[in-house]
């Protein structure tokens, strides 16, 4: 069964950290680029980060550069999103998605992805 499962969300104070995980099953994970997206209430979904499978290269949205780090462990079929210096505006449901191309394309925020997870809630509040 094809599946992406996110975990690691929760409630954190501003300035705090969380690490999200995206565990894959049912497809050839190491061939796929993986993206992280988020959607806040009343807002459109936006791209957060992407990691290629071919060389591990990464892309980030300007709003998270320097604070978030994406990584992957192909042996564990898992992608991680380390989130530091969290801000209230980072509050959203975070989703991971898989693209069958092995690299993050230039329009990685806008393309259609093949598989999506169900999301994990991140709330940044004091």
N, C-alpha and C. Protein backbone atom coordinates (compact mmCIF):
# COMPACT_ATOMS: atom_id res chain seq x y z
N UNK A 1 0.85 -1.19 0.00
CA UNK A 1 0.00 0.00 0.00
C UNK A 1 0.88 1.23 0.00
N UNK A 2 0.61 2.13 -0.96
CA UNK A 2 1.37 3.37 -1.06
C UNK A 2 0.99 4.29 0.08
N UNK A 3 2.00 4.78 0.78
CA UNK A 3 1.68 5.58 1.96
C UNK A 3 2.82 6.53 2.31
N UNK A 4 2.45 7.74 2.73
CA UNK A 4 3.36 8.69 3.37
C UNK A 4 2.71 9.06 4.70
N UNK A 5 3.47 8.94 5.77
CA UNK A 5 2.93 9.22 7.10
C UNK A 5 3.82 10.23 7.80
N UNK A 6 3.22 11.38 8.11
CA UNK A 6 3.96 12.42 8.84
C UNK A 6 3.80 12.24 10.34
N UNK A 7 4.79 12.65 11.08
CA UNK A 7 4.72 12.63 12.54
C UNK A 7 5.67 13.69 13.09
N UNK A 8 5.53 13.96 14.38
CA UNK A 8 6.43 14.89 15.04
C UNK A 8 5.87 16.27 15.31
N UNK A 9 4.65 16.51 14.85
CA UNK A 9 4.04 17.81 15.11
C UNK A 9 3.66 17.97 16.57
N UNK A 10 3.25 19.18 16.91
CA UNK A 10 2.84 19.44 18.28
C UNK A 10 2.80 20.91 18.58
N UNK A 11 2.70 21.21 19.87
CA UNK A 11 2.66 22.59 20.34
C UNK A 11 4.04 22.97 20.87
N UNK A 12 4.54 24.12 20.42
CA UNK A 12 5.88 24.57 20.83
C UNK A 12 5.83 26.07 21.02
N UNK A 13 6.64 26.57 21.91
CA UNK A 13 6.70 28.01 22.14
C UNK A 13 7.53 28.69 21.06
N UNK A 14 7.28 29.95 20.82
CA UNK A 14 8.11 30.69 19.86
C UNK A 14 9.59 30.57 20.22
N UNK A 15 10.41 30.36 19.20
CA UNK A 15 11.83 30.15 19.42
C UNK A 15 12.22 28.71 19.61
N UNK A 16 11.23 27.85 19.78
CA UNK A 16 11.49 26.44 20.00
C UNK A 16 11.76 25.68 18.72
N UNK A 17 11.90 24.36 18.87
CA UNK A 17 12.24 23.48 17.73
C UNK A 17 11.33 22.27 17.71
N UNK A 18 11.15 21.74 16.52
CA UNK A 18 10.47 20.48 16.30
C UNK A 18 11.15 19.78 15.14
N UNK A 19 11.08 18.46 15.14
CA UNK A 19 11.53 17.70 13.98
C UNK A 19 10.38 16.84 13.47
N UNK A 20 10.01 17.10 12.24
CA UNK A 20 8.97 16.32 11.59
C UNK A 20 9.60 15.16 10.83
N UNK A 21 8.86 14.07 10.76
CA UNK A 21 9.28 12.91 9.98
C UNK A 21 8.22 12.57 8.96
N UNK A 22 8.67 12.05 7.85
CA UNK A 22 7.78 11.59 6.77
C UNK A 22 8.24 10.19 6.39
N UNK A 23 7.49 9.19 6.80
CA UNK A 23 7.85 7.80 6.55
C UNK A 23 7.09 7.28 5.35
N UNK A 24 7.81 6.65 4.41
CA UNK A 24 7.22 6.19 3.17
C UNK A 24 7.16 4.67 3.12
N UNK A 25 6.17 4.17 2.40
CA UNK A 25 6.07 2.74 2.17
C UNK A 25 5.30 2.50 0.89
N UNK A 26 5.56 1.35 0.26
CA UNK A 26 4.78 0.95 -0.90
C UNK A 26 5.24 1.49 -2.23
N UNK A 27 6.34 2.23 -2.28
CA UNK A 27 6.91 2.67 -3.55
C UNK A 27 8.41 2.81 -3.40
N UNK A 28 9.09 2.98 -4.54
CA UNK A 28 10.55 3.00 -4.55
C UNK A 28 11.03 4.37 -4.08
N UNK A 29 11.09 4.51 -2.80
CA UNK A 29 11.31 5.79 -2.16
C UNK A 29 12.55 6.51 -2.67
N UNK A 30 13.64 5.76 -2.88
CA UNK A 30 14.90 6.43 -3.19
C UNK A 30 14.93 7.00 -4.60
N UNK A 31 13.90 6.77 -5.40
CA UNK A 31 13.81 7.38 -6.72
C UNK A 31 13.08 8.73 -6.70
N UNK A 32 12.44 9.04 -5.58
CA UNK A 32 11.53 10.17 -5.53
C UNK A 32 12.12 11.37 -4.81
N UNK A 33 11.87 12.55 -5.38
CA UNK A 33 12.09 13.78 -4.62
C UNK A 33 10.93 13.93 -3.63
N UNK A 34 11.22 14.49 -2.47
CA UNK A 34 10.22 14.67 -1.44
C UNK A 34 10.11 16.15 -1.07
N UNK A 35 8.89 16.62 -1.02
CA UNK A 35 8.66 18.00 -0.62
C UNK A 35 7.88 18.08 0.67
N UNK A 36 8.10 19.16 1.39
CA UNK A 36 7.28 19.50 2.56
C UNK A 36 6.46 20.75 2.20
N UNK A 37 5.20 20.71 2.57
CA UNK A 37 4.29 21.81 2.34
C UNK A 37 3.55 22.10 3.64
N UNK A 38 2.93 23.26 3.70
CA UNK A 38 2.13 23.57 4.89
C UNK A 38 0.92 24.40 4.48
N UNK A 39 -0.11 24.31 5.30
CA UNK A 39 -1.31 25.09 5.06
C UNK A 39 -1.85 25.59 6.38
N UNK A 40 -1.91 26.90 6.50
CA UNK A 40 -2.45 27.53 7.69
C UNK A 40 -3.94 27.80 7.47
N UNK A 41 -4.72 27.93 8.54
CA UNK A 41 -6.15 28.19 8.40
C UNK A 41 -6.41 29.43 7.57
N UNK A 42 -7.28 29.29 6.58
CA UNK A 42 -7.64 30.43 5.75
C UNK A 42 -6.62 30.82 4.72
N UNK A 43 -5.55 30.05 4.60
CA UNK A 43 -4.49 30.37 3.64
C UNK A 43 -4.29 29.24 2.65
N UNK A 44 -3.67 29.57 1.53
CA UNK A 44 -3.36 28.55 0.55
C UNK A 44 -2.16 27.72 1.01
N UNK A 45 -2.12 26.52 0.50
CA UNK A 45 -0.98 25.66 0.78
C UNK A 45 0.28 26.27 0.16
N UNK A 46 1.39 26.18 0.86
CA UNK A 46 2.64 26.72 0.36
C UNK A 46 3.77 25.71 0.52
N UNK A 47 4.72 25.78 -0.39
CA UNK A 47 5.88 24.92 -0.31
C UNK A 47 6.83 25.40 0.76
N UNK A 48 7.42 24.45 1.47
CA UNK A 48 8.37 24.75 2.54
C UNK A 48 9.78 24.36 2.13
N UNK A 49 9.93 23.12 1.65
CA UNK A 49 11.25 22.63 1.32
C UNK A 49 11.13 21.40 0.43
N UNK A 50 12.22 21.09 -0.25
CA UNK A 50 12.26 19.92 -1.12
C UNK A 50 13.66 19.32 -1.09
N UNK A 51 13.72 17.98 -1.19
CA UNK A 51 15.02 17.33 -1.23
C UNK A 51 15.02 16.31 -2.37
N UNK A 52 16.06 16.36 -3.16
CA UNK A 52 16.20 15.45 -4.29
C UNK A 52 16.66 14.08 -3.81
N UNK A 53 16.38 13.08 -4.62
CA UNK A 53 16.90 11.75 -4.33
C UNK A 53 18.23 11.52 -5.02
N UNK A 54 18.44 12.19 -6.14
CA UNK A 54 19.63 11.93 -6.96
C UNK A 54 20.91 12.36 -6.27
N UNK A 55 20.91 13.54 -5.66
CA UNK A 55 22.14 14.03 -5.04
C UNK A 55 21.92 14.66 -3.67
N UNK A 56 20.68 14.58 -3.18
CA UNK A 56 20.40 15.15 -1.87
C UNK A 56 20.34 16.66 -1.84
N UNK A 57 20.30 17.27 -3.03
CA UNK A 57 20.23 18.73 -3.06
C UNK A 57 18.89 19.21 -2.50
N UNK A 58 18.89 20.41 -1.99
CA UNK A 58 17.72 20.90 -1.28
C UNK A 58 17.28 22.27 -1.78
N UNK A 59 16.02 22.58 -1.54
CA UNK A 59 15.46 23.88 -1.83
C UNK A 59 14.59 24.30 -0.64
N UNK A 60 14.53 25.60 -0.41
CA UNK A 60 13.75 26.12 0.70
C UNK A 60 12.96 27.35 0.28
N UNK A 61 11.81 27.50 0.90
CA UNK A 61 11.10 28.76 0.77
C UNK A 61 11.87 29.84 1.51
N UNK A 62 11.78 31.07 1.01
CA UNK A 62 12.50 32.17 1.66
C UNK A 62 12.12 32.33 3.12
N UNK A 63 10.88 32.04 3.43
CA UNK A 63 10.38 32.26 4.80
C UNK A 63 10.99 31.32 5.83
N UNK A 64 11.62 30.24 5.38
CA UNK A 64 12.19 29.27 6.33
C UNK A 64 13.69 29.09 6.18
N UNK A 65 14.29 29.73 5.20
CA UNK A 65 15.73 29.59 5.00
C UNK A 65 16.49 30.00 6.24
N UNK A 66 17.47 29.18 6.60
CA UNK A 66 18.28 29.46 7.78
C UNK A 66 17.68 28.95 9.07
N UNK A 67 16.40 28.54 9.03
CA UNK A 67 15.73 28.03 10.24
C UNK A 67 15.36 26.56 10.11
N UNK A 68 14.99 26.14 8.91
CA UNK A 68 14.56 24.76 8.67
C UNK A 68 15.64 24.02 7.89
N UNK A 69 15.76 22.73 8.16
CA UNK A 69 16.69 21.88 7.43
C UNK A 69 15.99 20.58 7.06
N UNK A 70 16.03 20.25 5.78
CA UNK A 70 15.45 19.01 5.29
C UNK A 70 16.56 18.00 5.08
N UNK A 71 16.26 16.74 5.38
CA UNK A 71 17.23 15.66 5.17
C UNK A 71 16.47 14.38 4.88
N UNK A 72 17.19 13.38 4.39
CA UNK A 72 16.52 12.11 4.11
C UNK A 72 17.45 10.95 4.45
N UNK A 73 16.84 9.84 4.82
CA UNK A 73 17.53 8.58 5.09
C UNK A 73 16.86 7.55 4.20
N UNK A 74 17.48 7.25 3.08
CA UNK A 74 16.85 6.33 2.12
C UNK A 74 16.74 4.92 2.69
N UNK A 75 17.67 4.52 3.54
CA UNK A 75 17.60 3.18 4.15
C UNK A 75 16.36 3.05 5.03
N UNK A 76 15.98 4.14 5.69
CA UNK A 76 14.79 4.13 6.55
C UNK A 76 13.56 4.63 5.81
N UNK A 77 13.71 5.01 4.55
CA UNK A 77 12.61 5.53 3.75
C UNK A 77 11.91 6.68 4.48
N UNK A 78 12.70 7.57 4.99
CA UNK A 78 12.18 8.66 5.80
C UNK A 78 12.85 9.98 5.43
N UNK A 79 12.05 11.04 5.39
CA UNK A 79 12.54 12.40 5.22
C UNK A 79 12.22 13.17 6.49
N UNK A 80 13.14 14.02 6.89
CA UNK A 80 12.99 14.80 8.10
C UNK A 80 12.94 16.29 7.78
N UNK A 81 12.25 17.02 8.62
CA UNK A 81 12.28 18.48 8.54
C UNK A 81 12.57 19.00 9.94
N UNK A 82 13.81 19.45 10.14
CA UNK A 82 14.20 20.04 11.41
C UNK A 82 13.82 21.51 11.38
N UNK A 83 13.00 21.91 12.33
CA UNK A 83 12.50 23.28 12.37
C UNK A 83 12.99 23.96 13.64
N UNK A 84 13.80 24.98 13.47
CA UNK A 84 14.34 25.74 14.60
C UNK A 84 13.83 27.16 14.56
N UNK A 85 13.99 27.85 15.67
CA UNK A 85 13.58 29.27 15.77
C UNK A 85 12.16 29.46 15.27
N UNK A 86 11.28 28.61 15.72
CA UNK A 86 9.91 28.64 15.23
C UNK A 86 9.20 29.92 15.62
N UNK A 87 8.34 30.36 14.71
CA UNK A 87 7.57 31.59 14.88
C UNK A 87 6.08 31.26 14.84
N UNK A 88 5.25 32.10 15.42
CA UNK A 88 3.80 31.86 15.35
C UNK A 88 3.30 31.70 13.92
N UNK A 89 3.90 32.39 12.98
CA UNK A 89 3.47 32.28 11.59
C UNK A 89 3.85 30.95 10.94
N UNK A 90 4.60 30.11 11.64
CA UNK A 90 4.88 28.77 11.15
C UNK A 90 3.75 27.79 11.49
N UNK A 91 2.79 28.25 12.26
CA UNK A 91 1.66 27.41 12.63
C UNK A 91 0.88 26.99 11.39
N UNK A 92 0.72 25.69 11.23
CA UNK A 92 0.04 25.14 10.04
C UNK A 92 -0.02 23.62 10.15
N UNK A 93 -0.76 23.03 9.25
CA UNK A 93 -0.66 21.59 9.05
C UNK A 93 0.45 21.37 8.02
N UNK A 94 1.38 20.49 8.35
CA UNK A 94 2.51 20.22 7.49
C UNK A 94 2.31 18.87 6.80
N UNK A 95 2.52 18.88 5.50
CA UNK A 95 2.35 17.68 4.67
C UNK A 95 3.65 17.37 3.95
N UNK A 96 3.92 16.09 3.75
CA UNK A 96 4.99 15.71 2.84
C UNK A 96 4.37 15.11 1.58
N UNK A 97 5.12 15.20 0.50
CA UNK A 97 4.63 14.73 -0.79
C UNK A 97 5.80 14.17 -1.59
N UNK A 98 5.51 13.20 -2.44
CA UNK A 98 6.54 12.54 -3.24
C UNK A 98 6.33 12.82 -4.72
N UNK A 99 7.41 13.18 -5.38
CA UNK A 99 7.42 13.43 -6.83
C UNK A 99 8.30 12.38 -7.49
N UNK A 100 7.82 11.74 -8.55
CA UNK A 100 8.53 10.62 -9.16
C UNK A 100 9.82 11.03 -9.86
N UNK A 101 10.05 12.31 -10.06
CA UNK A 101 11.35 12.73 -10.59
C UNK A 101 12.38 12.68 -9.46
N UNK A 102 13.63 12.36 -9.76
CA UNK A 102 14.63 12.19 -8.70
C UNK A 102 15.24 13.50 -8.20
N UNK A 103 14.75 14.63 -8.69
CA UNK A 103 15.33 15.90 -8.30
C UNK A 103 14.20 16.91 -8.09
N UNK A 104 14.50 17.93 -7.31
CA UNK A 104 13.53 19.00 -7.09
C UNK A 104 13.58 19.94 -8.29
N UNK A 105 12.49 19.99 -9.03
CA UNK A 105 12.46 20.84 -10.21
C UNK A 105 12.38 22.31 -9.80
N UNK A 106 12.65 23.17 -10.77
CA UNK A 106 12.66 24.61 -10.47
C UNK A 106 11.34 25.10 -9.92
N UNK A 107 10.24 24.52 -10.41
CA UNK A 107 8.91 24.92 -9.95
C UNK A 107 8.38 23.96 -8.91
N UNK A 108 9.23 23.49 -8.00
CA UNK A 108 8.86 22.44 -7.06
C UNK A 108 7.68 22.81 -6.19
N UNK A 109 7.45 24.08 -5.98
CA UNK A 109 6.33 24.50 -5.15
C UNK A 109 5.00 24.39 -5.89
N UNK A 110 5.06 24.34 -7.22
CA UNK A 110 3.83 24.49 -8.00
C UNK A 110 3.40 23.21 -8.72
N UNK A 111 4.30 22.27 -8.89
CA UNK A 111 3.98 21.08 -9.68
C UNK A 111 3.04 20.16 -8.91
N UNK A 112 2.50 19.19 -9.62
CA UNK A 112 1.68 18.16 -8.98
C UNK A 112 2.58 17.05 -8.46
N UNK A 113 2.32 16.60 -7.24
CA UNK A 113 3.07 15.51 -6.65
C UNK A 113 2.25 14.22 -6.75
N UNK A 114 2.94 13.09 -6.74
CA UNK A 114 2.27 11.82 -6.95
C UNK A 114 1.56 11.32 -5.69
N UNK A 115 2.18 11.48 -4.55
CA UNK A 115 1.62 10.97 -3.31
C UNK A 115 1.71 12.04 -2.22
N UNK A 116 0.70 12.03 -1.35
CA UNK A 116 0.65 12.97 -0.24
C UNK A 116 0.37 12.23 1.06
N UNK A 117 0.91 12.79 2.14
CA UNK A 117 0.57 12.29 3.46
C UNK A 117 -0.67 12.98 3.99
N UNK A 118 -1.06 12.59 5.19
CA UNK A 118 -2.29 13.11 5.78
C UNK A 118 -2.06 14.38 6.59
N UNK A 119 -0.81 14.70 6.87
CA UNK A 119 -0.49 15.93 7.55
C UNK A 119 -0.29 15.77 9.05
N UNK A 120 0.48 16.71 9.62
CA UNK A 120 0.69 16.76 11.06
C UNK A 120 0.62 18.23 11.48
N UNK A 121 -0.06 18.48 12.58
CA UNK A 121 -0.30 19.85 13.03
C UNK A 121 0.90 20.38 13.79
N UNK A 122 1.32 21.58 13.43
CA UNK A 122 2.36 22.31 14.16
C UNK A 122 1.74 23.61 14.65
N UNK A 123 1.82 23.83 15.95
CA UNK A 123 1.29 25.05 16.54
C UNK A 123 2.39 25.73 17.34
N UNK A 124 2.66 26.98 16.98
CA UNK A 124 3.69 27.76 17.67
C UNK A 124 2.99 28.87 18.43
N UNK A 125 3.00 28.75 19.75
CA UNK A 125 2.26 29.70 20.57
C UNK A 125 2.80 29.70 21.99
N UNK A 126 2.73 30.86 22.63
CA UNK A 126 3.14 30.95 24.02
C UNK A 126 1.94 30.77 24.93
